[in-house]
C-alpha atoms as a PDB file:
ATOM      1  CA  MET A   1      17.930  -4.482  34.032  1.00  0.00           C
ATOM      2  CA  LYS A   2      15.647  -7.366  35.064  1.00  0.00           C
ATOM      3  CA  ARG A   3      12.758  -4.944  35.628  1.00  0.00           C
ATOM      4  CA  THR A   4      13.157  -3.434  32.121  1.00  0.00           C
ATOM      5  CA  ALA A   5      13.134  -6.896  30.556  1.00  0.00           C
ATOM      6  CA  ARG A   6      10.070  -7.883  32.612  1.00  0.00           C
ATOM      7  CA  VAL A   7       8.180  -4.727  31.569  1.00  0.00           C
ATOM      8  CA  ALA A   8       9.107  -5.288  27.911  1.00  0.00           C
ATOM      9  CA  THR A   9       7.959  -8.905  28.120  1.00  0.00           C
ATOM     10  CA  CYS A  10       4.627  -7.890  29.670  1.00  0.00           C
ATOM     11  CA  ALA A  11       4.118  -5.192  27.032  1.00  0.00           C
ATOM     12  CA  ALA A  12       4.886  -7.647  24.231  1.00  0.00           C
ATOM     13  CA  ALA A  13       2.446 -10.190  25.699  1.00  0.00           C
ATOM     14  CA  ALA A  14      -0.279  -7.529  25.879  1.00  0.00           C
ATOM     15  CA  LEU A  15       0.299  -6.565  22.232  1.00  0.00           C
ATOM     16  CA  VAL A  16       0.149 -10.190  21.098  1.00  0.00           C
ATOM     17  CA  ALA A  17      -3.066 -10.723  23.081  1.00  0.00           C
ATOM     18  CA  ALA A  18      -4.615  -7.603  21.540  1.00  0.00           C
ATOM     19  CA  ALA A  19      -3.584  -8.682  18.042  1.00  0.00           C
ATOM     20  CA  LEU A  20      -5.028 -12.162  18.555  1.00  0.00           C
ATOM     21  CA  ALA A  21      -8.279 -10.724  19.902  1.00  0.00           C
ATOM     22  CA  GLY A  22      -8.501  -8.403  16.882  1.00  0.00           C
ATOM     23  CA  CYS A  23      -8.340 -11.462  14.615  1.00  0.00           C
ATOM     24  CA  SER A  24     -11.051 -13.322  16.519  1.00  0.00           C
ATOM     25  CA  SER A  25     -14.397 -13.740  14.806  1.00  0.00           C
ATOM     26  CA  SER A  26     -16.212 -14.705  17.993  1.00  0.00           C
ATOM     27  CA  THR A  27     -18.319 -11.895  19.439  1.00  0.00           C
ATOM     28  CA  LYS A  28     -20.935 -11.414  22.118  1.00  0.00           C
ATOM     29  CA  ALA A  29     -23.482  -8.595  21.862  1.00  0.00           C
ATOM     30  CA  THR A  30     -24.399  -6.335  24.733  1.00  0.00           C
ATOM     31  CA  SER A  31     -26.592  -3.262  24.770  1.00  0.00           C
ATOM     32  CA  ALA A  32     -26.650   0.097  26.493  1.00  0.00           C
ATOM     33  CA  ALA A  33     -29.106   2.984  26.511  1.00  0.00           C
ATOM     34  CA  GLY A  34     -28.717   6.156  24.452  1.00  0.00           C
ATOM     35  CA  SER A  35     -26.968   6.961  21.195  1.00  0.00           C
ATOM     36  CA  SER A  36     -23.509   7.624  22.510  1.00  0.00           C
ATOM     37  CA  PRO A  37     -20.530   5.367  23.076  1.00  0.00           C
ATOM     38  CA  SER A  38     -20.720   2.920  25.909  1.00  0.00           C
ATOM     39  CA  ALA A  39     -17.963   2.619  28.459  1.00  0.00           C
ATOM     40  CA  ASN A  40     -15.953  -0.551  28.525  1.00  0.00           C
ATOM     41  CA  SER A  41     -14.726  -2.148  31.704  1.00  0.00           C
ATOM     42  CA  SER A  42     -11.222  -0.761  31.226  1.00  0.00           C
ATOM     43  CA  GLY A  43     -12.617   2.748  31.638  1.00  0.00           C
ATOM     44  CA  GLY A  44     -12.331   3.795  27.987  1.00  0.00           C
ATOM     45  CA  TYR A  45     -15.128   4.277  25.551  1.00  0.00           C
ATOM     46  CA  GLY A  46     -15.962   3.765  21.938  1.00  0.00           C
ATOM     47  CA  GLY A  47     -18.764   3.014  19.577  1.00  0.00           C
ATOM     48  CA  ALA A  48     -22.460   3.593  19.986  1.00  0.00           C
ATOM     49  CA  THR A  49     -25.374   1.930  21.692  1.00  0.00           C
ATOM     50  CA  THR A  50     -24.803  -1.753  21.005  1.00  0.00           C
ATOM     51  CA  ALA A  51     -21.288  -2.980  21.635  1.00  0.00           C
ATOM     52  CA  THR A  52     -19.779  -6.150  20.258  1.00  0.00           C
ATOM     53  CA  THR A  53     -17.266  -7.447  22.747  1.00  0.00           C
ATOM     54  CA  PRO A  54     -14.564  -9.832  21.541  1.00  0.00           C
ATOM     55  CA  THR A  55     -14.088 -12.955  23.607  1.00  0.00           C
ATOM     56  CA  GLY A  56     -10.629 -13.947  24.704  1.00  0.00           C
ATOM     57  CA  PRO A  57      -7.738 -11.920  26.109  1.00  0.00           C
ATOM     58  CA  SER A  58      -9.193  -8.462  25.403  1.00  0.00           C
ATOM     59  CA  ALA A  59     -12.830  -9.161  26.281  1.00  0.00           C
ATOM     60  CA  SER A  60     -12.797  -6.077  28.529  1.00  0.00           C
ATOM     61  CA  VAL A  61     -12.249  -3.763  25.557  1.00  0.00           C
ATOM     62  CA  SER A  62     -15.269  -3.289  23.302  1.00  0.00           C
ATOM     63  CA  SER A  63     -15.391  -2.501  19.639  1.00  0.00           C
ATOM     64  CA  ALA A  64     -18.730  -1.032  18.774  1.00  0.00           C
ATOM     65  CA  ILE A  65     -21.626  -1.567  16.446  1.00  0.00           C
ATOM     66  CA  ALA A  66     -23.862   1.443  16.166  1.00  0.00           C
ATOM     67  CA  LYS A  67     -27.576   1.529  16.748  1.00  0.00           C
ATOM     68  CA  GLY A  68     -29.042   4.780  15.536  1.00  0.00           C
ATOM     69  CA  GLN A  69     -27.611   8.003  14.275  1.00  0.00           C
ATOM     70  CA  ALA A  70     -24.409   9.343  15.809  1.00  0.00           C
ATOM     71  CA  THR A  71     -23.891  13.036  16.566  1.00  0.00           C
ATOM     72  CA  VAL A  72     -20.756  15.061  15.845  1.00  0.00           C
ATOM     73  CA  ALA A  73     -20.359  18.450  17.554  1.00  0.00           C
ATOM     74  CA  THR A  74     -17.533  20.739  18.670  1.00  0.00           C
ATOM     75  CA  LYS A  75     -16.119  21.651  22.052  1.00  0.00           C
ATOM     76  CA  SER A  76     -13.301  23.848  23.321  1.00  0.00           C
ATOM     77  CA  ALA A  77     -10.271  21.814  24.383  1.00  0.00           C
ATOM     78  CA  GLY A  78      -7.925  24.406  25.870  1.00  0.00           C
ATOM     79  CA  LYS A  79      -4.686  24.842  23.899  1.00  0.00           C
ATOM     80  CA  LEU A  80      -5.997  22.536  21.148  1.00  0.00           C
ATOM     81  CA  GLY A  81      -8.793  24.977  20.355  1.00  0.00           C
ATOM     82  CA  THR A  82     -12.240  23.880  19.248  1.00  0.00           C
ATOM     83  CA  ILE A  83     -12.308  20.184  18.331  1.00  0.00           C
ATOM     84  CA  LEU A  84     -14.786  17.528  17.226  1.00  0.00           C
ATOM     85  CA  VAL A  85     -16.595  15.494  19.872  1.00  0.00           C
ATOM     86  CA  ASP A  86     -19.531  13.107  19.871  1.00  0.00           C
ATOM     87  CA  GLY A  87     -22.952  13.894  21.336  1.00  0.00           C
ATOM     88  CA  LYS A  88     -21.635  13.212  24.869  1.00  0.00           C
ATOM     89  CA  GLY A  89     -18.534  15.397  24.541  1.00  0.00           C
ATOM     90  CA  ARG A  90     -16.104  12.539  23.918  1.00  0.00           C
ATOM     91  CA  THR A  91     -13.090  13.448  21.789  1.00  0.00           C
ATOM     92  CA  LEU A  92     -12.882  12.262  18.178  1.00  0.00           C
ATOM     93  CA  TYR A  93      -9.631  11.621  16.298  1.00  0.00           C
ATOM     94  CA  LEU A  94      -8.364  11.090  12.759  1.00  0.00           C
ATOM     95  CA  PHE A  95      -5.672   8.586  11.744  1.00  0.00           C
ATOM     96  CA  LEU A  96      -2.984   9.794   9.330  1.00  0.00           C
ATOM     97  CA  ALA A  97      -2.735   6.302   7.814  1.00  0.00           C
ATOM     98  CA  ASP A  98      -6.244   6.824   6.373  1.00  0.00           C
ATOM     99  CA  LYS A  99      -5.012   8.412   3.141  1.00  0.00           C
ATOM    100  CA  THR A 100      -8.038   7.694   0.920  1.00  0.00           C
ATOM    101  CA  LYS A 101     -11.178   9.773   1.495  1.00  0.00           C
ATOM    102  CA  ASN A 102     -13.793   7.890   3.563  1.00  0.00           C
ATOM    103  CA  VAL A 103     -11.665   4.716   3.817  1.00  0.00           C
ATOM    104  CA  SER A 104     -10.541   3.376   7.198  1.00  0.00           C
ATOM    105  CA  THR A 105      -7.316   1.396   7.518  1.00  0.00           C
ATOM    106  CA  CYS A 106      -7.742   0.776  11.275  1.00  0.00           C
ATOM    107  CA  THR A 107      -8.958  -2.793  11.868  1.00  0.00           C
ATOM    108  CA  GLY A 108      -8.314  -5.635  14.304  1.00  0.00           C
ATOM    109  CA  ALA A 109      -6.177  -4.612  17.287  1.00  0.00           C
ATOM    110  CA  CYS A 110      -6.107  -1.040  15.977  1.00  0.00           C
ATOM    111  CA  ALA A 111      -9.922  -0.800  16.147  1.00  0.00           C
ATOM    112  CA  VAL A 112      -9.818  -2.126  19.714  1.00  0.00           C
ATOM    113  CA  ALA A 113      -7.425   0.624  20.830  1.00  0.00           C
ATOM    114  CA  TRP A 114      -9.066   3.224  18.563  1.00  0.00           C
ATOM    115  CA  PRO A 115     -12.781   2.324  18.287  1.00  0.00           C
ATOM    116  CA  PRO A 116     -14.470   3.847  15.245  1.00  0.00           C
ATOM    117  CA  LEU A 117     -17.445   6.212  15.611  1.00  0.00           C
ATOM    118  CA  LEU A 118     -20.212   4.178  13.990  1.00  0.00           C
ATOM    119  CA  THR A 119     -23.756   4.914  12.852  1.00  0.00           C
ATOM    120  CA  THR A 120     -26.531   2.813  11.348  1.00  0.00           C
ATOM    121  CA  LYS A 121     -28.544   5.615   9.790  1.00  0.00           C
ATOM    122  CA  GLY A 122     -26.314   7.275   7.198  1.00  0.00           C
ATOM    123  CA  ALA A 123     -24.103  10.200   8.061  1.00  0.00           C
ATOM    124  CA  ALA A 124     -24.073  11.522  11.605  1.00  0.00           C
ATOM    125  CA  LYS A 125     -26.242  14.442  12.529  1.00  0.00           C
ATOM    126  CA  PRO A 126     -24.432  17.712  13.154  1.00  0.00           C
ATOM    127  CA  GLY A 127     -24.367  19.046  16.676  1.00  0.00           C
ATOM    128  CA  LYS A 128     -23.282  22.513  17.786  1.00  0.00           C
ATOM    129  CA  GLY A 129     -20.419  23.790  15.607  1.00  0.00           C
ATOM    130  CA  ALA A 130     -20.228  20.835  13.199  1.00  0.00           C
ATOM    131  CA  ASP A 131     -20.715  21.403   9.454  1.00  0.00           C
ATOM    132  CA  GLN A 132     -23.310  19.021   8.007  1.00  0.00           C
ATOM    133  CA  LYS A 133     -21.669  19.236   4.562  1.00  0.00           C
ATOM    134  CA  MET A 134     -18.468  17.739   6.003  1.00  0.00           C
ATOM    135  CA  LEU A 135     -20.202  14.732   7.571  1.00  0.00           C
ATOM    136  CA  GLY A 136     -19.994  11.487   5.624  1.00  0.00           C
ATOM    137  CA  VAL A 137     -19.742   7.735   5.882  1.00  0.00           C
ATOM    138  CA  ALA A 138     -16.797   5.376   5.508  1.00  0.00           C
ATOM    139  CA  LYS A 139     -17.843   1.776   4.835  1.00  0.00           C
ATOM    140  CA  ARG A 140     -16.147  -0.799   7.054  1.00  0.00           C
ATOM    141  CA  SER A 141     -16.051  -4.547   6.470  1.00  0.00           C
ATOM    142  CA  GLY A 142     -19.432  -6.174   6.834  1.00  0.00           C
ATOM    143  CA  GLY A 143     -21.190  -3.048   5.563  1.00  0.00           C
ATOM    144  CA  ILE A 144     -20.816  -1.192   8.872  1.00  0.00           C
ATOM    145  CA  ASN A 145     -20.954   2.616   8.591  1.00  0.00           C
ATOM    146  CA  GLN A 146     -18.207   4.659  10.214  1.00  0.00           C
ATOM    147  CA  VAL A 147     -18.744   8.397  10.546  1.00  0.00           C
ATOM    148  CA  SER A 148     -16.303  10.597   8.643  1.00  0.00           C
ATOM    149  CA  TYR A 149     -15.706  14.342   8.670  1.00  0.00           C
ATOM    150  CA  ASN A 150     -14.123  16.090   5.694  1.00  0.00           C
ATOM    151  CA  GLY A 151     -13.353  12.583   4.369  1.00  0.00           C
ATOM    152  CA  HIS A 152     -11.510  11.501   7.547  1.00  0.00           C
ATOM    153  CA  PRO A 153     -12.958   8.428   9.311  1.00  0.00           C
ATOM    154  CA  LEU A 154     -13.458   9.336  12.995  1.00  0.00           C
ATOM    155  CA  TYR A 155     -12.287   7.340  16.006  1.00  0.00           C
ATOM    156  CA  TYR A 156     -12.304   7.401  19.793  1.00  0.00           C
ATOM    157  CA  TYR A 157      -9.219   6.589  21.852  1.00  0.00           C
ATOM    158  CA  SER A 158      -9.648   3.839  24.448  1.00  0.00           C
ATOM    159  CA  GLY A 159      -7.238   5.713  26.733  1.00  0.00           C
ATOM    160  CA  ASP A 160      -9.713   8.600  27.080  1.00  0.00           C
ATOM    161  CA  THR A 161     -11.784   7.565  30.077  1.00  0.00           C
ATOM    162  CA  SER A 162     -14.140  10.532  30.284  1.00  0.00           C
ATOM    163  CA  PRO A 163     -15.520  13.304  28.056  1.00  0.00           C
ATOM    164  CA  GLY A 164     -13.098  16.105  27.282  1.00  0.00           C
ATOM    165  CA  GLN A 165      -9.913  14.042  27.589  1.00  0.00           C
ATOM    166  CA  THR A 166      -7.434  14.181  24.688  1.00  0.00           C
ATOM    167  CA  ASN A 167      -4.934  11.495  25.746  1.00  0.00           C
ATOM    168  CA  GLY A 168      -4.650  10.185  22.176  1.00  0.00           C
ATOM    169  CA  GLN A 169      -3.470  13.511  20.742  1.00  0.00           C
ATOM    170  CA  GLY A 170      -0.228  13.134  18.777  1.00  0.00           C
ATOM    171  CA  LEU A 171       0.270   9.451  19.576  1.00  0.00           C
ATOM    172  CA  LYS A 172       2.022   7.299  17.001  1.00  0.00           C
ATOM    173  CA  GLN A 173       0.345   3.902  17.029  1.00  0.00           C
ATOM    174  CA  PHE A 174      -0.369   1.282  14.370  1.00  0.00           C
ATOM    175  CA  GLY A 175       2.059   2.903  11.962  1.00  0.00           C
ATOM    176  CA  ALA A 176       0.883   6.521  11.956  1.00  0.00           C
ATOM    177  CA  LEU A 177      -0.020   9.549  14.058  1.00  0.00           C
ATOM    178  CA  TRP A 178      -3.428  10.272  15.613  1.00  0.00           C
ATOM    179  CA  TYR A 179      -4.792  13.796  15.993  1.00  0.00           C
ATOM    180  CA  VAL A 180      -7.904  15.547  17.201  1.00  0.00           C
ATOM    181  CA  VAL A 181      -9.909  17.245  14.443  1.00  0.00           C
ATOM    182  CA  ASN A 182     -11.023  20.889  14.261  1.00  0.00           C
ATOM    183  CA  ALA A 183     -14.392  22.161  12.972  1.00  0.00           C
ATOM    184  CA  GLN A 184     -12.839  22.727   9.523  1.00  0.00           C
ATOM    185  CA  GLY A 185     -12.028  19.003   9.302  1.00  0.00           C
ATOM    186  CA  LYS A 186      -8.265  19.422   9.707  1.00  0.00           C
ATOM    187  CA  GLN A 187      -5.870  17.726  12.102  1.00  0.00           C
ATOM    188  CA  VAL A 188      -4.776  19.766  15.105  1.00  0.00           C
ATOM    189  CA  THR A 189      -1.051  19.275  15.634  1.00  0.00           C
ATOM    190  CA  SER A 190      -0.343  21.745  18.438  1.00  0.00           C
END
Protein backbone atom coordinates (compact mmCIF):
# COMPACT_ATOMS: atom_id res chain seq x y z
CA MET A 1 0.00 0.00 0.00
CA LYS A 2 2.82 2.41 0.91
CA ARG A 3 4.62 1.63 -2.36
CA THR A 4 1.47 2.40 -4.43
CA ALA A 5 1.04 5.73 -2.65
CA ARG A 6 4.74 6.56 -3.15
CA VAL A 7 4.55 5.75 -6.88
CA ALA A 8 1.38 7.83 -7.26
CA THR A 9 3.01 10.74 -5.43
CA CYS A 10 6.10 10.57 -7.66
CA ALA A 11 3.95 10.40 -10.79
CA ALA A 12 1.89 13.39 -9.66
CA ALA A 13 5.06 15.38 -8.92
CA ALA A 14 6.42 14.58 -12.39
CA LEU A 15 3.17 15.74 -14.02
CA VAL A 16 3.17 18.99 -12.05
CA ALA A 17 6.82 19.61 -12.99
CA ALA A 18 6.06 18.96 -16.66
CA ALA A 19 3.04 21.28 -16.56
CA LEU A 20 5.06 24.04 -14.90
CA ALA A 21 7.86 23.65 -17.44
CA GLY A 22 5.32 23.85 -20.28
CA CYS A 23 4.17 27.21 -18.92
CA SER A 24 7.70 28.59 -18.65
CA SER A 25 8.69 31.29 -21.11
CA SER A 26 12.40 30.93 -20.42
CA THR A 27 14.26 29.04 -23.14
CA LYS A 28 17.82 28.29 -24.13
CA ALA A 29 18.72 27.55 -27.76
CA THR A 30 20.96 24.72 -28.83
CA SER A 31 21.79 23.48 -32.30
CA ALA A 32 22.41 20.17 -34.00
CA ALA A 33 23.43 19.19 -37.52
CA GLY A 34 21.02 17.97 -40.20
CA SER A 35 17.33 18.52 -40.84
CA SER A 36 15.93 15.82 -38.63
CA PRO A 37 14.87 15.81 -35.00
CA SER A 38 17.57 15.99 -32.41
CA ALA A 39 17.72 13.56 -29.53
CA ASN A 40 17.11 14.89 -26.07
CA SER A 41 18.97 13.67 -23.03
CA SER A 42 16.07 11.47 -21.95
CA GLY A 43 16.56 9.37 -25.08
CA GLY A 44 13.48 10.60 -26.95
CA TYR A 45 13.41 12.85 -29.94
CA GLY A 46 11.40 15.62 -31.45
CA GLY A 47 11.63 18.70 -33.57
CA ALA A 48 14.21 19.64 -36.14
CA THR A 49 17.69 21.08 -36.21
CA THR A 50 17.56 23.81 -33.59
CA ALA A 51 15.99 22.81 -30.30
CA THR A 52 14.64 25.17 -27.69
CA THR A 53 15.11 23.58 -24.30
CA PRO A 54 12.95 24.78 -21.41
CA THR A 55 14.80 25.59 -18.22
CA GLY A 56 13.56 24.18 -14.95
CA PRO A 57 12.31 20.72 -14.00
CA SER A 58 12.04 19.32 -17.54
CA ALA A 59 15.18 20.87 -19.04
CA SER A 60 16.18 17.41 -20.30
CA VAL A 61 13.18 17.25 -22.63
CA SER A 62 13.38 19.50 -25.68
CA SER A 63 10.61 21.08 -27.64
CA ALA A 64 11.84 21.98 -31.07
CA ILE A 65 12.11 24.92 -33.39
CA ALA A 66 12.75 23.93 -36.96
CA LYS A 67 15.56 25.12 -39.14
CA GLY A 68 14.96 24.17 -42.74
CA GLN A 69 12.46 22.01 -44.50
CA ALA A 70 11.24 18.83 -42.84
CA THR A 71 10.71 15.59 -44.76
CA VAL A 72 7.74 13.24 -44.43
CA ALA A 73 8.05 9.72 -45.87
CA THR A 74 6.58 6.27 -45.25
CA LYS A 75 7.96 3.09 -43.74
CA SER A 76 6.63 -0.38 -43.00
CA ALA A 77 5.86 -0.86 -39.30
CA GLY A 78 4.90 -4.53 -39.05
CA LYS A 79 1.27 -5.09 -38.03
CA LEU A 80 0.56 -1.35 -38.29
CA GLY A 81 1.30 -1.41 -42.02
CA THR A 82 2.94 1.47 -43.85
CA ILE A 83 3.06 4.61 -41.70
CA LEU A 84 4.39 8.16 -41.85
CA VAL A 85 7.92 8.85 -40.63
CA ASP A 86 10.30 11.78 -40.84
CA GLY A 87 13.43 11.86 -43.00
CA LYS A 88 15.31 9.76 -40.41
CA GLY A 89 12.62 7.09 -40.07
CA ARG A 90 11.17 8.41 -36.81
CA THR A 91 7.47 7.69 -36.31
CA LEU A 92 4.92 10.50 -36.70
CA TYR A 93 1.57 10.63 -34.90
CA LEU A 94 -1.75 12.48 -35.04
CA PHE A 95 -3.73 13.66 -32.00
CA LEU A 96 -7.49 13.04 -32.02
CA ALA A 97 -8.06 16.24 -30.03
CA ASP A 98 -6.95 18.20 -33.13
CA LYS A 99 -10.44 18.41 -34.63
CA THR A 100 -9.97 21.47 -36.86
CA LYS A 101 -7.93 21.03 -40.05
CA ASN A 102 -4.34 22.29 -39.65
CA VAL A 103 -4.89 23.46 -36.04
CA SER A 104 -2.86 21.99 -33.18
CA THR A 105 -4.31 21.81 -29.67
CA CYS A 106 -1.15 20.29 -28.14
CA THR A 107 0.79 22.97 -26.25
CA GLY A 108 2.74 23.30 -23.00
CA ALA A 109 3.34 19.96 -21.26
CA CYS A 110 1.61 18.18 -24.14
CA ALA A 111 4.16 19.54 -26.64
CA VAL A 112 6.98 18.39 -24.36
CA ALA A 113 5.69 14.81 -24.32
CA TRP A 114 4.56 14.98 -27.97
CA PRO A 115 6.95 17.36 -29.80
CA PRO A 116 5.50 18.75 -33.02
CA LEU A 117 7.22 18.15 -36.38
CA LEU A 118 8.23 21.69 -37.33
CA THR A 119 9.54 23.34 -40.48
CA THR A 120 10.66 26.86 -41.35
CA LYS A 121 10.25 26.64 -45.10
CA GLY A 122 6.57 26.01 -45.79
CA ALA A 123 5.18 22.52 -46.08
CA ALA A 124 7.49 19.56 -45.66
CA LYS A 125 8.99 17.91 -48.68
CA PRO A 126 7.61 14.49 -49.55
CA GLY A 127 9.88 11.51 -49.13
CA LYS A 128 9.30 7.99 -50.41
CA GLY A 129 5.58 7.11 -50.28
CA ALA A 130 4.29 10.47 -49.02
CA ASP A 131 1.74 12.42 -51.09
CA GLN A 132 2.84 16.03 -51.63
CA LYS A 133 -0.80 17.14 -52.01
CA MET A 134 -1.51 16.00 -48.44
CA LEU A 135 1.37 17.95 -46.90
CA GLY A 136 0.46 21.25 -45.26
CA VAL A 137 1.25 23.62 -42.44
CA ALA A 138 -0.45 24.23 -39.11
CA LYS A 139 0.46 27.58 -37.55
CA ARG A 140 1.51 27.40 -33.91
CA SER A 141 1.78 30.32 -31.50
CA GLY A 142 4.56 32.69 -32.38
CA GLY A 143 4.14 31.98 -36.10
CA ILE A 144 5.95 28.63 -35.92
CA ASN A 145 5.06 26.18 -38.71
CA GLN A 146 4.06 22.65 -37.78
CA VAL A 147 3.90 20.07 -40.55
CA SER A 148 0.47 18.57 -41.22
CA TYR A 149 -0.65 15.67 -43.39
CA ASN A 150 -4.22 15.47 -44.68
CA GLY A 151 -4.98 18.35 -42.29
CA HIS A 152 -3.62 16.51 -39.22
CA PRO A 153 -0.77 18.28 -37.38
CA LEU A 154 2.08 15.75 -36.96
CA TYR A 155 3.94 14.93 -33.75
CA TYR A 156 6.72 12.74 -32.41
CA TYR A 157 6.40 10.81 -29.16
CA SER A 158 9.14 11.44 -26.59
CA GLY A 159 8.88 7.79 -25.52
CA ASP A 160 10.15 6.63 -28.92
CA THR A 161 13.90 6.53 -28.42
CA SER A 162 14.98 5.34 -31.86
CA PRO A 163 13.68 5.26 -35.44
CA GLY A 164 10.97 2.70 -36.12
CA GLN A 165 9.55 2.61 -32.59
CA THR A 166 5.79 3.11 -32.18
CA ASN A 167 5.49 3.31 -28.38
CA GLY A 168 2.95 6.15 -28.62
CA GLN A 169 0.46 4.13 -30.68
CA GLY A 170 -3.01 4.13 -29.10
CA LEU A 171 -2.00 6.04 -25.97
CA LYS A 172 -4.59 8.27 -24.34
CA GLN A 173 -2.80 11.35 -23.06
CA PHE A 174 -3.76 15.01 -22.70
CA GLY A 175 -7.43 14.21 -23.16
CA ALA A 176 -7.40 12.18 -26.38
CA LEU A 177 -5.89 9.24 -28.25
CA TRP A 178 -2.68 9.31 -30.32
CA TYR A 179 -2.23 7.21 -33.45
CA VAL A 180 0.32 6.62 -36.16
CA VAL A 181 -0.76 7.86 -39.60
CA ASN A 182 -0.91 5.89 -42.86
CA ALA A 183 0.07 7.18 -46.33
CA GLN A 184 -3.58 8.08 -47.01
CA GLY A 185 -3.52 10.47 -44.03
CA LYS A 186 -5.74 8.34 -41.80
CA GLN A 187 -5.19 7.13 -38.25
CA VAL A 188 -4.10 3.52 -37.85
CA THR A 189 -6.03 1.97 -34.97
CA SER A 190 -4.93 -1.66 -35.18
